[in-house]
Protein backbone atom coordinates (compact mmCIF):
# COMPACT_ATOMS: atom_id res chain seq x y z
CA MET A 1 86.95 66.96 126.15
CA LYS A 2 86.87 64.20 123.55
CA LYS A 3 83.75 62.09 123.08
CA LYS A 4 84.25 58.35 123.50
CA VAL A 5 82.92 55.65 121.19
CA LEU A 6 83.08 51.88 121.66
CA ILE A 7 83.09 49.67 118.57
CA LEU A 8 81.70 46.28 119.51
CA CYS A 9 82.09 43.06 117.53
CA THR A 10 82.10 39.36 118.32
CA GLY A 11 85.80 38.48 118.24
CA ASN A 12 87.36 41.97 118.32
CA SER A 13 90.01 40.83 115.86
CA CYS A 14 89.13 42.47 112.55
CA ARG A 15 86.15 44.78 111.85
CA SER A 16 86.03 46.51 115.23
CA ILE A 17 89.83 46.99 115.25
CA MET A 18 89.69 48.49 111.74
CA ALA A 19 86.88 50.83 112.81
CA GLU A 20 88.75 51.83 115.99
CA ALA A 21 91.89 52.64 113.97
CA LEU A 22 89.97 54.56 111.28
CA ILE A 23 88.04 56.68 113.78
CA ASN A 24 91.18 57.49 115.78
CA ALA A 25 93.09 58.34 112.59
CA GLN A 26 90.42 60.53 110.99
CA LEU A 27 88.34 61.90 113.88
CA GLY A 28 90.88 61.60 116.69
CA ASP A 29 91.00 65.33 117.33
CA ARG A 30 87.40 65.13 118.61
CA ILE A 31 86.64 61.45 119.25
CA GLU A 32 88.47 58.71 121.10
CA ALA A 33 87.61 55.24 119.80
CA HIS A 34 87.94 51.93 121.63
CA SER A 35 86.95 48.43 120.55
CA SER A 36 85.96 45.24 122.26
CA GLY A 37 84.42 41.85 121.60
CA VAL A 38 81.49 40.09 123.24
CA GLN A 39 83.55 36.89 122.82
CA ALA A 40 87.00 38.37 122.19
CA SER A 41 89.40 36.12 120.31
CA GLY A 42 92.40 37.54 122.15
CA LYS A 43 94.31 38.25 118.94
CA VAL A 44 94.20 40.74 116.09
CA ASN A 45 93.66 39.27 112.63
CA PRO A 46 97.11 39.47 110.94
CA VAL A 47 95.66 40.48 107.54
CA ALA A 48 93.65 43.30 109.15
CA GLN A 49 96.75 44.42 111.06
CA ALA A 50 98.88 44.38 107.88
CA LEU A 51 96.23 46.49 106.12
CA LEU A 52 96.20 49.05 108.94
CA VAL A 53 100.02 49.13 108.91
CA SER A 54 99.98 49.73 105.13
CA LYS A 55 97.52 52.63 105.65
CA GLY A 56 99.81 54.10 108.31
CA ILE A 57 97.17 53.97 111.06
CA TRP A 58 98.22 50.91 113.10
CA ARG A 59 99.08 51.50 116.78
CA GLU A 60 100.74 48.95 119.04
CA ALA A 61 98.02 49.74 121.60
CA TYR A 62 95.38 48.03 119.45
CA HIS A 63 94.57 44.56 120.74
CA SER A 64 91.64 42.20 121.15
CA LYS A 65 89.81 42.96 124.42
CA VAL A 66 86.96 41.25 126.24
CA ILE A 67 83.90 43.34 127.04
CA GLU A 68 84.53 43.13 130.80
CA THR A 69 87.59 45.37 130.39
CA VAL A 70 85.52 48.27 129.02
CA VAL A 71 81.96 47.79 130.31
CA ASP A 72 82.49 50.12 133.28
CA SER A 73 83.97 52.91 131.17
CA ALA A 74 81.80 55.87 130.22
CA PHE A 75 81.08 55.99 126.48
CA ASP A 76 79.06 58.56 124.55
CA LEU A 77 78.17 56.02 121.87
CA VAL A 78 78.36 52.24 121.32
CA VAL A 79 78.41 50.91 117.75
CA THR A 80 77.89 47.22 117.01
CA VAL A 81 79.45 46.15 113.70
CA CYS A 82 78.24 42.55 113.52
CA ASP A 83 74.83 40.99 114.01
CA MET A 84 75.94 38.70 116.83
CA ALA A 85 77.31 41.63 118.84
CA LYS A 86 74.04 43.48 118.20
CA GLU A 87 72.05 40.54 119.59
CA SER A 88 74.27 40.07 122.64
CA CYS A 89 75.23 43.69 123.31
CA PRO A 90 75.60 44.02 127.07
CA THR A 91 73.83 46.66 129.10
CA PHE A 92 76.21 49.39 130.14
CA PRO A 93 76.01 50.77 133.70
CA LYS A 94 75.60 54.30 132.33
CA ALA A 95 72.81 54.57 129.75
CA VAL A 96 74.44 55.02 126.37
CA LYS A 97 73.11 55.36 122.84
CA THR A 98 73.75 52.23 120.76
CA ILE A 99 73.62 52.06 116.98
CA HIS A 100 74.20 49.14 114.61
CA VAL A 101 76.14 49.30 111.35
CA GLY A 102 76.80 45.75 110.17
CA PHE A 103 79.75 44.66 108.05
CA GLU A 104 80.49 41.22 106.64
CA ASP A 105 83.44 39.50 108.29
CA PRO A 106 86.36 39.26 105.83
CA SER A 107 88.26 36.78 108.04
CA GLY A 108 89.60 33.86 106.05
CA LYS A 109 88.81 35.52 102.73
CA ALA A 110 91.01 37.19 100.09
CA VAL A 111 92.97 40.31 101.04
CA SER A 112 90.70 42.30 98.68
CA GLU A 113 87.75 41.52 101.01
CA TYR A 114 89.57 43.18 103.92
CA GLU A 115 90.19 46.23 101.75
CA LYS A 116 86.48 46.26 100.80
CA THR A 117 85.43 46.09 104.49
CA TYR A 118 87.92 48.85 105.39
CA ASN A 119 86.49 51.08 102.65
CA LEU A 120 82.89 50.36 103.74
CA ILE A 121 83.72 51.21 107.36
CA GLU A 122 85.30 54.47 106.21
CA LYS A 123 82.36 55.33 103.93
CA GLU A 124 79.44 54.19 106.13
CA LEU A 125 80.54 54.18 109.76
CA LEU A 126 82.72 57.29 110.06
CA PRO A 127 80.02 59.74 108.86
CA LEU A 128 77.52 58.24 111.34
CA VAL A 129 79.93 58.46 114.28
CA LYS A 130 80.80 62.03 113.28
CA GLU A 131 77.10 62.92 113.01
CA GLU A 132 76.33 61.40 116.42
CA LEU A 133 79.27 62.87 118.33
CA CYS A 134 80.49 66.03 116.58
């Protein structure tokens, strides 16, 4: 059975969606990734989506979700990717290990900043998730 990881951010529009897509694309045989926001924006950042499409890892199922939609699900690991989500990370009904790996929000910046964040998530977050769950 696959392990489940939740990537938690503030708006669930950019960093957490990129991390969800990367984990599912590269570790999806063993890990099922989901993402959510503590104050979900309700929409995916179009630059982040275009980047994921260009990498061939975008899925129509990816969307911005509020924490209430996932808080009752059983996760093996929760990863916060922004400081605000770390500070306001909710308590999950089932005790779950939570780790923090912060990334700067590229929203509103040059496309190259999104690429930089994507590469950092791939380089820093994926090995940690793999180490924790595989």
